[in-house]
């Protein structure tokens, strides 16, 4: 959504038949934007794109709200998070792993500006559109 707000990504850059999905993780990230004007821009783009809101495939204590995540054995989530941590341990790897897990399970493509996330996604046969930062 940041890349869209910066004019680097438009709906025209995506396949016309692409159905877009998002989890609460993306809206939570927008909510954390400290600049209120930027936050407003991001939510306007989110509303315009109108992605289908889907739950994360694994619930993670402290990262999910009730009803926004499914219960799972956590094996795929842990594998994805470990792969991200092995490239660069960072606090939001939990959220990135949750987003990626949805893409893997649902067969969704992924749009990202995070090179490490793109690498792990490709290793799990997820179609990736990388938007350079």
Protein backbone atom coordinates (compact mmCIF):
# COMPACT_ATOMS: atom_id res chain seq x y z
CA UNK A 1 0.00 0.00 0.00
CA UNK A 2 2.95 2.31 0.60
CA UNK A 3 4.14 1.72 -2.96
CA UNK A 4 0.66 2.54 -4.26
CA UNK A 5 0.59 5.75 -2.22
CA UNK A 6 3.99 6.63 -3.72
CA UNK A 7 2.71 6.01 -7.26
CA UNK A 8 4.95 2.97 -7.80
CA UNK A 9 2.10 0.46 -8.06
CA UNK A 10 -1.36 0.85 -9.54
CA UNK A 11 -4.17 -1.58 -10.24
CA UNK A 12 -3.12 -1.34 -13.91
CA UNK A 13 0.20 -3.01 -12.92
CA UNK A 14 -1.71 -6.12 -11.86
CA UNK A 15 -3.45 -8.74 -13.97
CA UNK A 16 -6.99 -7.50 -14.66
CA UNK A 17 -8.46 -10.77 -13.42
CA UNK A 18 -6.48 -10.72 -10.17
CA UNK A 19 -8.61 -10.99 -7.06
CA UNK A 20 -6.89 -9.20 -4.21
CA UNK A 21 -6.79 -10.45 -0.64
CA UNK A 22 -5.46 -9.07 2.61
CA UNK A 23 -5.37 -10.05 6.26
CA UNK A 24 -5.76 -7.98 9.38
CA UNK A 25 -1.96 -7.79 9.36
CA UNK A 26 -2.00 -5.26 6.53
CA UNK A 27 -4.67 -3.09 8.18
CA UNK A 28 -2.82 -3.30 11.50
CA UNK A 29 0.34 -2.07 9.75
CA UNK A 30 -1.57 0.85 8.22
CA UNK A 31 -3.00 1.70 11.65
CA UNK A 32 0.55 1.92 13.05
CA UNK A 33 1.50 4.66 10.57
CA UNK A 34 2.32 7.63 12.80
CA UNK A 35 1.76 10.32 10.16
CA UNK A 36 -2.02 10.79 10.16
CA UNK A 37 -2.09 12.19 6.60
CA UNK A 38 -0.12 9.21 5.28
CA UNK A 39 -2.30 6.81 7.28
CA UNK A 40 -5.37 8.37 5.66
CA UNK A 41 -3.82 7.99 2.18
CA UNK A 42 -3.08 4.33 2.86
CA UNK A 43 -6.61 3.61 4.05
CA UNK A 44 -8.07 5.36 0.99
CA UNK A 45 -5.96 3.13 -1.25
CA UNK A 46 -6.97 0.08 0.78
CA UNK A 47 -10.66 1.01 0.38
CA UNK A 48 -10.23 1.66 -3.35
CA UNK A 49 -8.50 -1.67 -3.91
CA UNK A 50 -11.13 -3.38 -1.71
CA UNK A 51 -9.30 -6.66 -1.14
CA UNK A 52 -11.12 -9.65 0.26
CA UNK A 53 -10.27 -9.81 3.97
CA UNK A 54 -9.15 -13.33 4.91
CA UNK A 55 -8.05 -14.71 8.28
CA UNK A 56 -4.45 -15.69 8.85
CA UNK A 57 -3.93 -19.45 8.69
CA UNK A 58 -2.27 -19.66 12.12
CA UNK A 59 -3.06 -17.79 15.30
CA UNK A 60 -0.05 -16.26 17.04
CA UNK A 61 -0.39 -15.10 20.63
CA UNK A 62 -0.16 -11.31 20.79
CA UNK A 63 -0.27 -10.88 17.01
CA UNK A 64 -3.91 -11.64 16.21
CA UNK A 65 -7.30 -10.39 17.28
CA UNK A 66 -10.00 -12.92 18.08
CA UNK A 67 -11.72 -14.04 14.91
CA UNK A 68 -8.95 -12.86 12.58
CA UNK A 69 -6.94 -16.08 12.63
CA UNK A 70 -7.45 -19.81 12.29
CA UNK A 71 -6.04 -22.43 14.63
CA UNK A 72 -3.44 -24.70 13.10
CA UNK A 73 -0.60 -26.96 14.13
CA UNK A 74 1.70 -24.05 13.32
CA UNK A 75 4.17 -26.16 11.35
CA UNK A 76 4.02 -24.17 8.10
CA UNK A 77 4.02 -20.85 9.97
CA UNK A 78 7.11 -21.87 11.98
CA UNK A 79 8.89 -23.07 8.86
CA UNK A 80 8.22 -19.77 7.07
CA UNK A 81 9.20 -17.67 10.07
CA UNK A 82 12.43 -19.66 10.50
CA UNK A 83 13.28 -19.15 6.83
CA UNK A 84 12.74 -15.40 7.23
CA UNK A 85 14.70 -15.27 10.51
CA UNK A 86 17.60 -17.12 8.87
CA UNK A 87 17.85 -14.35 6.28
CA UNK A 88 17.37 -11.46 8.71
CA UNK A 89 15.80 -11.66 12.13
CA UNK A 90 13.43 -8.75 12.57
CA UNK A 91 10.37 -8.16 14.74
CA UNK A 92 7.83 -8.17 11.91
CA UNK A 93 8.85 -11.61 10.63
CA UNK A 94 5.85 -12.95 12.58
CA UNK A 95 3.50 -10.83 10.50
CA UNK A 96 5.38 -11.50 7.25
CA UNK A 97 5.21 -15.24 7.92
CA UNK A 98 1.47 -14.97 8.55
CA UNK A 99 0.91 -13.11 5.28
CA UNK A 100 3.07 -15.60 3.39
CA UNK A 101 1.33 -18.57 5.00
CA UNK A 102 -2.00 -17.29 3.64
CA UNK A 103 -0.46 -16.98 0.18
CA UNK A 104 0.92 -20.53 0.33
CA UNK A 105 -2.29 -22.12 1.62
CA UNK A 106 -4.72 -20.15 -0.55
CA UNK A 107 -2.55 -20.12 -3.68
CA UNK A 108 -2.44 -16.32 -3.67
CA UNK A 109 0.31 -14.29 -5.28
CA UNK A 110 2.28 -11.84 -3.17
CA UNK A 111 3.17 -8.20 -3.79
CA UNK A 112 6.08 -7.04 -1.64
CA UNK A 113 8.99 -4.64 -1.39
CA UNK A 114 10.80 -6.98 1.02
CA UNK A 115 13.47 -8.94 -0.84
CA UNK A 116 13.83 -11.59 1.88
CA UNK A 117 10.08 -12.18 1.96
CA UNK A 118 10.09 -12.46 -1.85
CA UNK A 119 12.88 -15.08 -1.70
CA UNK A 120 11.08 -17.23 0.86
CA UNK A 121 7.80 -16.89 -1.06
CA UNK A 122 9.42 -18.07 -4.29
CA UNK A 123 10.95 -21.04 -2.45
CA UNK A 124 7.38 -22.01 -1.52
CA UNK A 125 6.11 -21.67 -5.10
CA UNK A 126 4.27 -18.40 -4.47
CA UNK A 127 4.03 -16.04 -7.43
CA UNK A 128 5.75 -12.80 -6.40
CA UNK A 129 5.56 -9.29 -7.74
CA UNK A 130 8.56 -7.52 -6.24
CA UNK A 131 8.35 -3.74 -6.01
CA UNK A 132 11.84 -2.38 -5.42
CA UNK A 133 12.03 0.00 -2.45
